[in-house]
C-alpha atoms as a PDB file:
ATOM      1  CA  UNK A   1     124.401 100.289 152.083  1.00  0.00           C
ATOM      2  CA  UNK A   2     121.599 102.873 152.210  1.00  0.00           C
ATOM      3  CA  UNK A   3     122.303 103.740 148.541  1.00  0.00           C
ATOM      4  CA  UNK A   4     121.735 100.119 147.519  1.00  0.00           C
ATOM      5  CA  UNK A   5     118.470 100.006 149.474  1.00  0.00           C
ATOM      6  CA  UNK A   6     117.325 103.279 147.857  1.00  0.00           C
ATOM      7  CA  UNK A   7     118.224 101.988 144.450  1.00  0.00           C
ATOM      8  CA  UNK A   8     116.196  98.746 145.119  1.00  0.00           C
ATOM      9  CA  UNK A   9     113.175 100.801 146.280  1.00  0.00           C
ATOM     10  CA  UNK A  10     113.318 103.006 143.119  1.00  0.00           C
ATOM     11  CA  UNK A  11     113.481 100.003 140.869  1.00  0.00           C
ATOM     12  CA  UNK A  12     110.574  98.348 142.693  1.00  0.00           C
ATOM     13  CA  UNK A  13     108.456 101.473 142.424  1.00  0.00           C
ATOM     14  CA  UNK A  14     109.253 101.786 138.773  1.00  0.00           C
ATOM     15  CA  UNK A  15     108.286  98.175 138.045  1.00  0.00           C
ATOM     16  CA  UNK A  16     105.037  98.575 139.974  1.00  0.00           C
ATOM     17  CA  UNK A  17     104.364 101.857 138.097  1.00  0.00           C
ATOM     18  CA  UNK A  18     104.886 100.091 134.746  1.00  0.00           C
ATOM     19  CA  UNK A  19     102.547  97.283 135.702  1.00  0.00           C
ATOM     20  CA  UNK A  20      99.858  99.691 136.729  1.00  0.00           C
ATOM     21  CA  UNK A  21     100.224 101.860 133.641  1.00  0.00           C
ATOM     22  CA  UNK A  22     100.304  98.976 131.138  1.00  0.00           C
ATOM     23  CA  UNK A  23      97.417  96.620 130.684  1.00  0.00           C
ATOM     24  CA  UNK A  24      95.205  94.907 128.104  1.00  0.00           C
ATOM     25  CA  UNK A  25      91.989  96.764 127.192  1.00  0.00           C
ATOM     26  CA  UNK A  26      89.178  94.984 125.301  1.00  0.00           C
ATOM     27  CA  UNK A  27      86.255  96.628 123.477  1.00  0.00           C
ATOM     28  CA  UNK A  28      82.751  96.203 124.868  1.00  0.00           C
ATOM     29  CA  UNK A  29      80.244  94.127 122.832  1.00  0.00           C
ATOM     30  CA  UNK A  30      78.297  97.293 121.788  1.00  0.00           C
ATOM     31  CA  UNK A  31      81.423  99.040 120.476  1.00  0.00           C
ATOM     32  CA  UNK A  32      81.357 102.798 119.924  1.00  0.00           C
ATOM     33  CA  UNK A  33      83.760 105.707 119.495  1.00  0.00           C
ATOM     34  CA  UNK A  34      87.309 104.972 120.581  1.00  0.00           C
ATOM     35  CA  UNK A  35      87.427 107.916 122.952  1.00  0.00           C
ATOM     36  CA  UNK A  36      84.282 107.043 124.896  1.00  0.00           C
ATOM     37  CA  UNK A  37      84.631 105.170 128.167  1.00  0.00           C
ATOM     38  CA  UNK A  38      81.538 103.073 127.484  1.00  0.00           C
ATOM     39  CA  UNK A  39      83.259 101.630 124.373  1.00  0.00           C
ATOM     40  CA  UNK A  40      85.587  99.594 126.529  1.00  0.00           C
ATOM     41  CA  UNK A  41      85.127  96.884 129.174  1.00  0.00           C
ATOM     42  CA  UNK A  42      85.843  98.447 132.541  1.00  0.00           C
ATOM     43  CA  UNK A  43      85.143 101.968 131.179  1.00  0.00           C
ATOM     44  CA  UNK A  44      88.846 102.485 130.571  1.00  0.00           C
ATOM     45  CA  UNK A  45      89.961 104.232 127.383  1.00  0.00           C
ATOM     46  CA  UNK A  46      93.269 102.701 126.136  1.00  0.00           C
ATOM     47  CA  UNK A  47      96.434 104.724 126.415  1.00  0.00           C
ATOM     48  CA  UNK A  48      99.689 104.503 124.416  1.00  0.00           C
ATOM     49  CA  UNK A  49     101.021 102.051 127.051  1.00  0.00           C
ATOM     50  CA  UNK A  50      98.211  99.495 126.671  1.00  0.00           C
ATOM     51  CA  UNK A  51      97.562  96.475 124.523  1.00  0.00           C
ATOM     52  CA  UNK A  52      94.238  96.656 122.691  1.00  0.00           C
ATOM     53  CA  UNK A  53      91.864  93.874 121.640  1.00  0.00           C
ATOM     54  CA  UNK A  54      89.003  94.719 119.311  1.00  0.00           C
ATOM     55  CA  UNK A  55      86.003  92.328 119.104  1.00  0.00           C
ATOM     56  CA  UNK A  56      83.264  94.816 118.094  1.00  0.00           C
ATOM     57  CA  UNK A  57      82.878  97.836 115.880  1.00  0.00           C
ATOM     58  CA  UNK A  58      85.008 100.844 116.875  1.00  0.00           C
ATOM     59  CA  UNK A  59      84.874 104.281 115.239  1.00  0.00           C
ATOM     60  CA  UNK A  60      87.932 106.536 115.002  1.00  0.00           C
ATOM     61  CA  UNK A  61      86.716 110.024 114.184  1.00  0.00           C
ATOM     62  CA  UNK A  62      89.097 112.806 113.396  1.00  0.00           C
ATOM     63  CA  UNK A  63      89.520 116.181 115.157  1.00  0.00           C
ATOM     64  CA  UNK A  64      88.818 119.518 113.485  1.00  0.00           C
ATOM     65  CA  UNK A  65      91.911 121.391 112.219  1.00  0.00           C
ATOM     66  CA  UNK A  66      94.312 118.802 113.724  1.00  0.00           C
ATOM     67  CA  UNK A  67      95.243 115.139 113.836  1.00  0.00           C
ATOM     68  CA  UNK A  68      93.570 112.772 116.306  1.00  0.00           C
ATOM     69  CA  UNK A  69      95.976 109.965 117.184  1.00  0.00           C
ATOM     70  CA  UNK A  70      94.915 106.812 118.949  1.00  0.00           C
ATOM     71  CA  UNK A  71      97.963 105.239 120.566  1.00  0.00           C
ATOM     72  CA  UNK A  72      98.626 101.768 121.935  1.00  0.00           C
ATOM     73  CA  UNK A  73     101.280  99.051 122.181  1.00  0.00           C
ATOM     74  CA  UNK A  74     100.006  95.931 120.408  1.00  0.00           C
ATOM     75  CA  UNK A  75      96.724  95.847 118.556  1.00  0.00           C
ATOM     76  CA  UNK A  76      94.662  92.714 117.803  1.00  0.00           C
ATOM     77  CA  UNK A  77      91.431  92.807 115.799  1.00  0.00           C
ATOM     78  CA  UNK A  78      89.476  89.628 116.231  1.00  0.00           C
ATOM     79  CA  UNK A  79      87.280  88.038 113.545  1.00  0.00           C
ATOM     80  CA  UNK A  80      84.200  90.066 114.478  1.00  0.00           C
ATOM     81  CA  UNK A  81      86.134  93.212 115.261  1.00  0.00           C
ATOM     82  CA  UNK A  82      86.136  96.373 113.032  1.00  0.00           C
ATOM     83  CA  UNK A  83      87.883  99.665 113.222  1.00  0.00           C
ATOM     84  CA  UNK A  84      86.035 102.220 111.003  1.00  0.00           C
ATOM     85  CA  UNK A  85      86.736 105.753 109.879  1.00  0.00           C
ATOM     86  CA  UNK A  86      83.363 107.072 108.694  1.00  0.00           C
ATOM     87  CA  UNK A  87      82.795 109.442 105.855  1.00  0.00           C
ATOM     88  CA  UNK A  88      82.618 113.160 106.530  1.00  0.00           C
ATOM     89  CA  UNK A  89      84.446 112.791 109.836  1.00  0.00           C
ATOM     90  CA  UNK A  90      86.429 116.016 110.213  1.00  0.00           C
ATOM     91  CA  UNK A  91      90.173 116.054 110.528  1.00  0.00           C
ATOM     92  CA  UNK A  92      92.849 113.398 110.056  1.00  0.00           C
ATOM     93  CA  UNK A  93      92.846 110.423 112.414  1.00  0.00           C
ATOM     94  CA  UNK A  94      95.545 107.792 112.857  1.00  0.00           C
ATOM     95  CA  UNK A  95      96.458 104.659 114.800  1.00  0.00           C
ATOM     96  CA  UNK A  96      99.927 104.721 116.403  1.00  0.00           C
ATOM     97  CA  UNK A  97     100.867 101.079 117.120  1.00  0.00           C
ATOM     98  CA  UNK A  98     104.081 100.897 118.999  1.00  0.00           C
ATOM     99  CA  UNK A  99     104.188  97.100 118.676  1.00  0.00           C
ATOM    100  CA  UNK A 100     102.551  94.413 116.569  1.00  0.00           C
ATOM    101  CA  UNK A 101      99.367  94.566 114.403  1.00  0.00           C
ATOM    102  CA  UNK A 102      97.343  91.363 114.082  1.00  0.00           C
ATOM    103  CA  UNK A 103      94.151  91.674 112.049  1.00  0.00           C
ATOM    104  CA  UNK A 104      91.567  88.953 111.675  1.00  0.00           C
ATOM    105  CA  UNK A 105      88.799  91.542 111.205  1.00  0.00           C
ATOM    106  CA  UNK A 106      88.546  94.808 109.340  1.00  0.00           C
ATOM    107  CA  UNK A 107      90.203  98.193 109.373  1.00  0.00           C
ATOM    108  CA  UNK A 108      88.441 100.406 106.842  1.00  0.00           C
ATOM    109  CA  UNK A 109      88.749 104.063 105.885  1.00  0.00           C
ATOM    110  CA  UNK A 110      85.587 105.387 104.220  1.00  0.00           C
ATOM    111  CA  UNK A 111      86.955 108.999 104.226  1.00  0.00           C
ATOM    112  CA  UNK A 112      90.488 108.600 102.772  1.00  0.00           C
ATOM    113  CA  UNK A 113      91.803 110.325 105.887  1.00  0.00           C
ATOM    114  CA  UNK A 114      92.827 107.578 108.234  1.00  0.00           C
ATOM    115  CA  UNK A 115      96.434 106.382 108.642  1.00  0.00           C
ATOM    116  CA  UNK A 116      98.231 103.624 110.518  1.00  0.00           C
ATOM    117  CA  UNK A 117     101.762 103.749 111.963  1.00  0.00           C
ATOM    118  CA  UNK A 118     103.218 100.380 113.013  1.00  0.00           C
ATOM    119  CA  UNK A 119     106.623  99.741 114.574  1.00  0.00           C
ATOM    120  CA  UNK A 120     106.335  95.956 114.958  1.00  0.00           C
ATOM    121  CA  UNK A 121     105.237  92.908 113.024  1.00  0.00           C
ATOM    122  CA  UNK A 122     102.201  93.048 110.729  1.00  0.00           C
ATOM    123  CA  UNK A 123      99.797  90.031 110.300  1.00  0.00           C
ATOM    124  CA  UNK A 124      96.824  90.581 108.085  1.00  0.00           C
ATOM    125  CA  UNK A 125      94.280  87.835 107.545  1.00  0.00           C
ATOM    126  CA  UNK A 126      91.280  89.797 106.342  1.00  0.00           C
ATOM    127  CA  UNK A 127      90.549  93.446 105.394  1.00  0.00           C
ATOM    128  CA  UNK A 128      93.301  96.120 105.934  1.00  0.00           C
ATOM    129  CA  UNK A 129      92.267  99.243 104.096  1.00  0.00           C
ATOM    130  CA  UNK A 130      93.287 102.578 105.653  1.00  0.00           C
ATOM    131  CA  UNK A 131      94.641 105.495 103.601  1.00  0.00           C
ATOM    132  CA  UNK A 132      98.367 105.114 104.334  1.00  0.00           C
ATOM    133  CA  UNK A 133     100.376 102.586 106.367  1.00  0.00           C
ATOM    134  CA  UNK A 134     103.853 103.666 107.615  1.00  0.00           C
ATOM    135  CA  UNK A 135     105.844 100.633 108.739  1.00  0.00           C
ATOM    136  CA  UNK A 136     108.918 101.055 110.827  1.00  0.00           C
ATOM    137  CA  UNK A 137     110.786  98.900 113.327  1.00  0.00           C
ATOM    138  CA  UNK A 138     113.768  96.544 113.590  1.00  0.00           C
ATOM    139  CA  UNK A 139     113.759  92.847 112.408  1.00  0.00           C
ATOM    140  CA  UNK A 140     110.068  92.988 111.649  1.00  0.00           C
ATOM    141  CA  UNK A 141     107.998  90.332 109.751  1.00  0.00           C
ATOM    142  CA  UNK A 142     105.015  90.441 107.438  1.00  0.00           C
ATOM    143  CA  UNK A 143     102.141  88.027 106.883  1.00  0.00           C
ATOM    144  CA  UNK A 144      99.366  88.800 104.381  1.00  0.00           C
ATOM    145  CA  UNK A 145      96.828  86.048 103.997  1.00  0.00           C
ATOM    146  CA  UNK A 146      94.368  88.791 103.153  1.00  0.00           C
ATOM    147  CA  UNK A 147      95.227  91.543 100.623  1.00  0.00           C
ATOM    148  CA  UNK A 148      96.503  94.863 102.008  1.00  0.00           C
ATOM    149  CA  UNK A 149      94.530  97.575 100.134  1.00  0.00           C
ATOM    150  CA  UNK A 150      95.433 101.264 100.813  1.00  0.00           C
ATOM    151  CA  UNK A 151      96.619 104.287  98.923  1.00  0.00           C
ATOM    152  CA  UNK A 152     100.230 103.623  99.973  1.00  0.00           C
ATOM    153  CA  UNK A 153     102.219 101.159 102.091  1.00  0.00           C
ATOM    154  CA  UNK A 154     105.594 102.643 103.132  1.00  0.00           C
ATOM    155  CA  UNK A 155     108.382 100.241 104.153  1.00  0.00           C
ATOM    156  CA  UNK A 156     110.558 102.459 106.361  1.00  0.00           C
ATOM    157  CA  UNK A 157     112.048  99.708 108.521  1.00  0.00           C
ATOM    158  CA  UNK A 158     115.608 100.001 109.925  1.00  0.00           C
ATOM    159  CA  UNK A 159     116.664  96.767 108.180  1.00  0.00           C
ATOM    160  CA  UNK A 160     115.105  94.437 105.622  1.00  0.00           C
ATOM    161  CA  UNK A 161     111.516  93.412 106.540  1.00  0.00           C
ATOM    162  CA  UNK A 162     111.030  89.654 106.254  1.00  0.00           C
ATOM    163  CA  UNK A 163     108.068  87.897 104.664  1.00  0.00           C
ATOM    164  CA  UNK A 164     106.884  84.798 106.461  1.00  0.00           C
ATOM    165  CA  UNK A 165     104.031  84.114 104.091  1.00  0.00           C
ATOM    166  CA  UNK A 166     103.086  84.972 100.499  1.00  0.00           C
ATOM    167  CA  UNK A 167     102.674  88.800 100.247  1.00  0.00           C
ATOM    168  CA  UNK A 168      99.531  90.312  98.725  1.00  0.00           C
ATOM    169  CA  UNK A 169      98.778  93.936  97.738  1.00  0.00           C
ATOM    170  CA  UNK A 170      95.734  95.297  95.898  1.00  0.00           C
ATOM    171  CA  UNK A 171      95.439  98.841  94.520  1.00  0.00           C
ATOM    172  CA  UNK A 172      98.362  99.947  96.733  1.00  0.00           C
ATOM    173  CA  UNK A 173     101.575 101.859  96.031  1.00  0.00           C
ATOM    174  CA  UNK A 174     104.292  99.948  97.886  1.00  0.00           C
ATOM    175  CA  UNK A 175     107.300 102.171  98.340  1.00  0.00           C
ATOM    176  CA  UNK A 176     109.565 103.816 100.904  1.00  0.00           C
ATOM    177  CA  UNK A 177     109.295 107.375 102.204  1.00  0.00           C
ATOM    178  CA  UNK A 178     112.686 107.218 103.825  1.00  0.00           C
ATOM    179  CA  UNK A 179     116.212 107.220 102.403  1.00  0.00           C
ATOM    180  CA  UNK A 180     117.913 104.869 101.700  1.00  0.00           C
ATOM    181  CA  UNK A 181     114.843 102.687 100.988  1.00  0.00           C
ATOM    182  CA  UNK A 182     114.750  99.365 102.692  1.00  0.00           C
ATOM    183  CA  UNK A 183     114.476  95.884 101.162  1.00  0.00           C
ATOM    184  CA  UNK A 184     111.594  93.484 101.490  1.00  0.00           C
ATOM    185  CA  UNK A 185     113.059  89.996 101.929  1.00  0.00           C
ATOM    186  CA  UNK A 186     110.516  87.781 100.281  1.00  0.00           C
ATOM    187  CA  UNK A 187     112.403  84.826 101.836  1.00  0.00           C
ATOM    188  CA  UNK A 188     111.385  82.569  98.966  1.00  0.00           C
ATOM    189  CA  UNK A 189     107.659  83.390  99.273  1.00  0.00           C
ATOM    190  CA  UNK A 190     105.639  84.803  96.347  1.00  0.00           C
ATOM    191  CA  UNK A 191     104.356  88.296  95.717  1.00  0.00           C
ATOM    192  CA  UNK A 192     100.823  88.970  94.399  1.00  0.00           C
ATOM    193  CA  UNK A 193     100.029  92.397  92.895  1.00  0.00           C
ATOM    194  CA  UNK A 194      96.422  92.981  91.911  1.00  0.00           C
ATOM    195  CA  UNK A 195      95.035  96.226  90.460  1.00  0.00           C
ATOM    196  CA  UNK A 196      91.941  97.689  88.860  1.00  0.00           C
ATOM    197  CA  UNK A 197      92.071  98.697  85.154  1.00  0.00           C
ATOM    198  CA  UNK A 198      95.052 100.862  84.373  1.00  0.00           C
ATOM    199  CA  UNK A 199      94.703 104.147  82.524  1.00  0.00           C
ATOM    200  CA  UNK A 200      96.721 105.760  79.837  1.00  0.00           C
ATOM    201  CA  UNK A 201      97.961 109.372  80.121  1.00  0.00           C
ATOM    202  CA  UNK A 202      98.272 110.651  76.512  1.00  0.00           C
ATOM    203  CA  UNK A 203     100.082 113.897  77.573  1.00  0.00           C
ATOM    204  CA  UNK A 204     102.953 112.064  79.269  1.00  0.00           C
ATOM    205  CA  UNK A 205     102.673 108.866  77.231  1.00  0.00           C
ATOM    206  CA  UNK A 206     102.471 106.869  80.430  1.00  0.00           C
ATOM    207  CA  UNK A 207     100.560 103.958  81.832  1.00  0.00           C
ATOM    208  CA  UNK A 208      99.089 104.604  85.339  1.00  0.00           C
ATOM    209  CA  UNK A 209      98.136 101.767  87.586  1.00  0.00           C
ATOM    210  CA  UNK A 210      96.527 101.759  91.017  1.00  0.00           C
ATOM    211  CA  UNK A 211      98.775  98.922  92.167  1.00  0.00           C
ATOM    212  CA  UNK A 212     102.553  99.558  91.977  1.00  0.00           C
ATOM    213  CA  UNK A 213     105.417  97.917  93.750  1.00  0.00           C
ATOM    214  CA  UNK A 214     108.397 100.321  93.918  1.00  0.00           C
ATOM    215  CA  UNK A 215     110.651  98.762  96.530  1.00  0.00           C
ATOM    216  CA  UNK A 216     113.735  96.580  96.445  1.00  0.00           C
ATOM    217  CA  UNK A 217     113.563  92.815  96.931  1.00  0.00           C
ATOM    218  CA  UNK A 218     115.862  90.142  98.202  1.00  0.00           C
ATOM    219  CA  UNK A 219     114.892  86.504  97.766  1.00  0.00           C
ATOM    220  CA  UNK A 220     116.180  83.091  96.676  1.00  0.00           C
ATOM    221  CA  UNK A 221     113.511  82.374  94.097  1.00  0.00           C
ATOM    222  CA  UNK A 222     110.023  83.911  94.098  1.00  0.00           C
ATOM    223  CA  UNK A 223     107.051  84.037  91.780  1.00  0.00           C
ATOM    224  CA  UNK A 224     105.559  87.502  91.132  1.00  0.00           C
ATOM    225  CA  UNK A 225     101.948  87.630  89.895  1.00  0.00           C
ATOM    226  CA  UNK A 226     101.435  91.033  88.272  1.00  0.00           C
ATOM    227  CA  UNK A 227      97.766  91.542  87.441  1.00  0.00           C
ATOM    228  CA  UNK A 228      96.982  95.030  86.010  1.00  0.00           C
ATOM    229  CA  UNK A 229      99.849  96.292  88.145  1.00  0.00           C
ATOM    230  CA  UNK A 230     103.420  97.664  87.871  1.00  0.00           C
ATOM    231  CA  UNK A 231     106.619  96.358  89.319  1.00  0.00           C
ATOM    232  CA  UNK A 232     109.992  98.138  89.719  1.00  0.00           C
ATOM    233  CA  UNK A 233     113.016  98.099  91.999  1.00  0.00           C
ATOM    234  CA  UNK A 234     116.374  96.462  92.530  1.00  0.00           C
ATOM    235  CA  UNK A 235     116.130  92.713  92.814  1.00  0.00           C
ATOM    236  CA  UNK A 236     118.737  90.297  94.311  1.00  0.00           C
ATOM    237  CA  UNK A 237     117.639  86.775  93.538  1.00  0.00           C
ATOM    238  CA  UNK A 238     115.647  84.835  90.876  1.00  0.00           C
ATOM    239  CA  UNK A 239     112.154  85.737  89.827  1.00  0.00           C
ATOM    240  CA  UNK A 240     109.460  84.201  87.669  1.00  0.00           C
ATOM    241  CA  UNK A 241     106.821  86.701  86.402  1.00  0.00           C
ATOM    242  CA  UNK A 242     103.237  85.727  85.755  1.00  0.00           C
ATOM    243  CA  UNK A 243     100.472  87.853  84.280  1.00  0.00           C
ATOM    244  CA  UNK A 244      97.247  86.507  82.804  1.00  0.00           C
ATOM    245  CA  UNK A 245      95.833  90.034  82.219  1.00  0.00           C
ATOM    246  CA  UNK A 246      98.839  92.362  81.880  1.00  0.00           C
ATOM    247  CA  UNK A 247     101.697  93.477  83.952  1.00  0.00           C
ATOM    248  CA  UNK A 248     103.976  96.534  83.602  1.00  0.00           C
ATOM    249  CA  UNK A 249     107.750  96.514  84.312  1.00  0.00           C
ATOM    250  CA  UNK A 250     109.372  99.803  85.239  1.00  0.00           C
ATOM    251  CA  UNK A 251     113.026 100.463  86.068  1.00  0.00           C
ATOM    252  CA  UNK A 252     114.186  97.089  87.135  1.00  0.00           C
ATOM    253  CA  UNK A 253     117.870  96.514  88.124  1.00  0.00           C
ATOM    254  CA  UNK A 254     118.311  92.815  88.673  1.00  0.00           C
ATOM    255  CA  UNK A 255     121.021  90.536  90.033  1.00  0.00           C
ATOM    256  CA  UNK A 256     119.739  87.095  89.286  1.00  0.00           C
ATOM    257  CA  UNK A 257     117.658  85.361  86.682  1.00  0.00           C
ATOM    258  CA  UNK A 258     114.337  86.465  85.341  1.00  0.00           C
ATOM    259  CA  UNK A 259     111.813  84.011  83.879  1.00  0.00           C
ATOM    260  CA  UNK A 260     108.614  85.090  82.217  1.00  0.00           C
ATOM    261  CA  UNK A 261     106.114  82.219  82.451  1.00  0.00           C
ATOM    262  CA  UNK A 262     104.005  80.703  79.696  1.00  0.00           C
ATOM    263  CA  UNK A 263     101.377  82.998  78.100  1.00  0.00           C
ATOM    264  CA  UNK A 264     102.205  85.927  80.356  1.00  0.00           C
ATOM    265  CA  UNK A 265     101.235  89.327  79.107  1.00  0.00           C
ATOM    266  CA  UNK A 266     104.039  91.692  79.987  1.00  0.00           C
ATOM    267  CA  UNK A 267     104.890  95.219  78.855  1.00  0.00           C
ATOM    268  CA  UNK A 268     107.235  97.920  80.068  1.00  0.00           C
ATOM    269  CA  UNK A 269     107.091 101.666  80.480  1.00  0.00           C
ATOM    270  CA  UNK A 270     110.669 102.629  81.231  1.00  0.00           C
ATOM    271  CA  UNK A 271     114.235 101.383  81.098  1.00  0.00           C
ATOM    272  CA  UNK A 272     115.034  97.773  82.043  1.00  0.00           C
ATOM    273  CA  UNK A 273     118.656  97.637  83.131  1.00  0.00           C
ATOM    274  CA  UNK A 274     120.956  94.795  84.113  1.00  0.00           C
ATOM    275  CA  UNK A 275     118.436  92.073  83.270  1.00  0.00           C
ATOM    276  CA  UNK A 276     119.755  88.578  83.084  1.00  0.00           C
ATOM    277  CA  UNK A 277     116.916  86.866  81.115  1.00  0.00           C
ATOM    278  CA  UNK A 278     117.072  83.192  81.901  1.00  0.00           C
ATOM    279  CA  UNK A 279     114.081  82.092  79.851  1.00  0.00           C
ATOM    280  CA  UNK A 280     111.132  83.599  78.045  1.00  0.00           C
ATOM    281  CA  UNK A 281     108.689  80.855  77.541  1.00  0.00           C
ATOM    282  CA  UNK A 282     106.273  80.899  74.604  1.00  0.00           C
ATOM    283  CA  UNK A 283     105.975  84.599  73.956  1.00  0.00           C
ATOM    284  CA  UNK A 284     105.730  88.067  75.414  1.00  0.00           C
ATOM    285  CA  UNK A 285     102.494  89.756  74.680  1.00  0.00           C
ATOM    286  CA  UNK A 286     101.912  93.537  74.879  1.00  0.00           C
ATOM    287  CA  UNK A 287      98.966  95.802  75.627  1.00  0.00           C
ATOM    288  CA  UNK A 288      96.201  95.673  72.989  1.00  0.00           C
ATOM    289  CA  UNK A 289      94.928  99.218  73.685  1.00  0.00           C
ATOM    290  CA  UNK A 290      95.948 101.872  73.122  1.00  0.00           C
ATOM    291  CA  UNK A 291      99.662 101.181  73.237  1.00  0.00           C
ATOM    292  CA  UNK A 292     100.149  99.331  69.958  1.00  0.00           C
ATOM    293  CA  UNK A 293     101.991 101.836  67.751  1.00  0.00           C
ATOM    294  CA  UNK A 294     104.827 104.355  67.953  1.00  0.00           C
ATOM    295  CA  UNK A 295     102.441 107.299  67.862  1.00  0.00           C
ATOM    296  CA  UNK A 296     101.727 106.572  71.485  1.00  0.00           C
ATOM    297  CA  UNK A 297     105.370 106.688  72.454  1.00  0.00           C
ATOM    298  CA  UNK A 298     105.933 102.905  72.141  1.00  0.00           C
ATOM    299  CA  UNK A 299     108.990 101.239  70.765  1.00  0.00           C
ATOM    300  CA  UNK A 300     110.303  97.751  70.536  1.00  0.00           C
ATOM    301  CA  UNK A 301     113.225  96.339  72.486  1.00  0.00           C
ATOM    302  CA  UNK A 302     114.614  93.065  71.086  1.00  0.00           C
ATOM    303  CA  UNK A 303     116.143  90.428  73.354  1.00  0.00           C
ATOM    304  CA  UNK A 304     118.093  87.569  71.739  1.00  0.00           C
ATOM    305  CA  UNK A 305     117.998  84.370  73.629  1.00  0.00           C
ATOM    306  CA  UNK A 306     119.613  81.139  72.278  1.00  0.00           C
ATOM    307  CA  UNK A 307     119.710  82.647  68.836  1.00  0.00           C
ATOM    308  CA  UNK A 308     116.021  83.488  68.765  1.00  0.00           C
ATOM    309  CA  UNK A 309     114.813  87.091  68.841  1.00  0.00           C
ATOM    310  CA  UNK A 310     112.090  87.951  71.363  1.00  0.00           C
ATOM    311  CA  UNK A 311     110.575  91.435  71.614  1.00  0.00           C
ATOM    312  CA  UNK A 312     109.031  93.474  74.403  1.00  0.00           C
ATOM    313  CA  UNK A 313     107.118  96.722  73.859  1.00  0.00           C
ATOM    314  CA  UNK A 314     108.304  99.668  75.995  1.00  0.00           C
ATOM    315  CA  UNK A 315     106.031 102.596  76.649  1.00  0.00           C
ATOM    316  CA  UNK A 316     107.853 105.822  77.233  1.00  0.00           C
END
């Protein structure tokens, strides 16, 4: 009997300890540096066990010769909230979010030395622009009503991440830094890839773009809008490609049908394998400069559809 009573007391103490140690911390109206007590209502700096709500401007400086990590459970940035990494702030700094990230405000890295680790769902409605985002977790979902713009967005989830909105990336390398790489289940939603002007590397005969999608996709049917961006990966499902500027295809292995929409400007820079071309409407254009002759490592691949020959220029 006394063992049962002791067990009950231990459980009660543990529950009370958890309640004491876990709370919701909100930023003060004046904001300030994350590590300062005056930055937070109640003069309590958040710990890794706390949920954090940002409604003012918070600065996350680094730490000389080491990494400064700001930990929490769930993070919500409200419409007027900002998390900023200033220029010339020494050392790497990072957010360690052991839960969900909901962003209606801004997360901005002005020093290219500020990373985010998220183990839960991501919802971005405004500006999300750190250096790297490392995304892990189990059965997690993604909403991007605002573009995600960072050097790299790594999908390292333990099973396919699921889109529950259209997905938008700008000037971002979307890939996986783990093996095997995990799928993004577009779930019938569309993918928007937007980049700045690509450049041409004459030494390697290669097109370089700031925005590249290098991950695998599962979907029923999705539209992919490739504007000055590159797309590659293994695809299970049907896709329609759109590009009013130009898009680059690179190492696509596809189970499903690929449609290239009217007046889309598409090129390729590597091998296209296992493509089941359902329809190429109107024509496939290629880059105007400087990839218009074989001296730049370009060659033509011909695709015959319904007795008609279509061509796509491949840069290699």
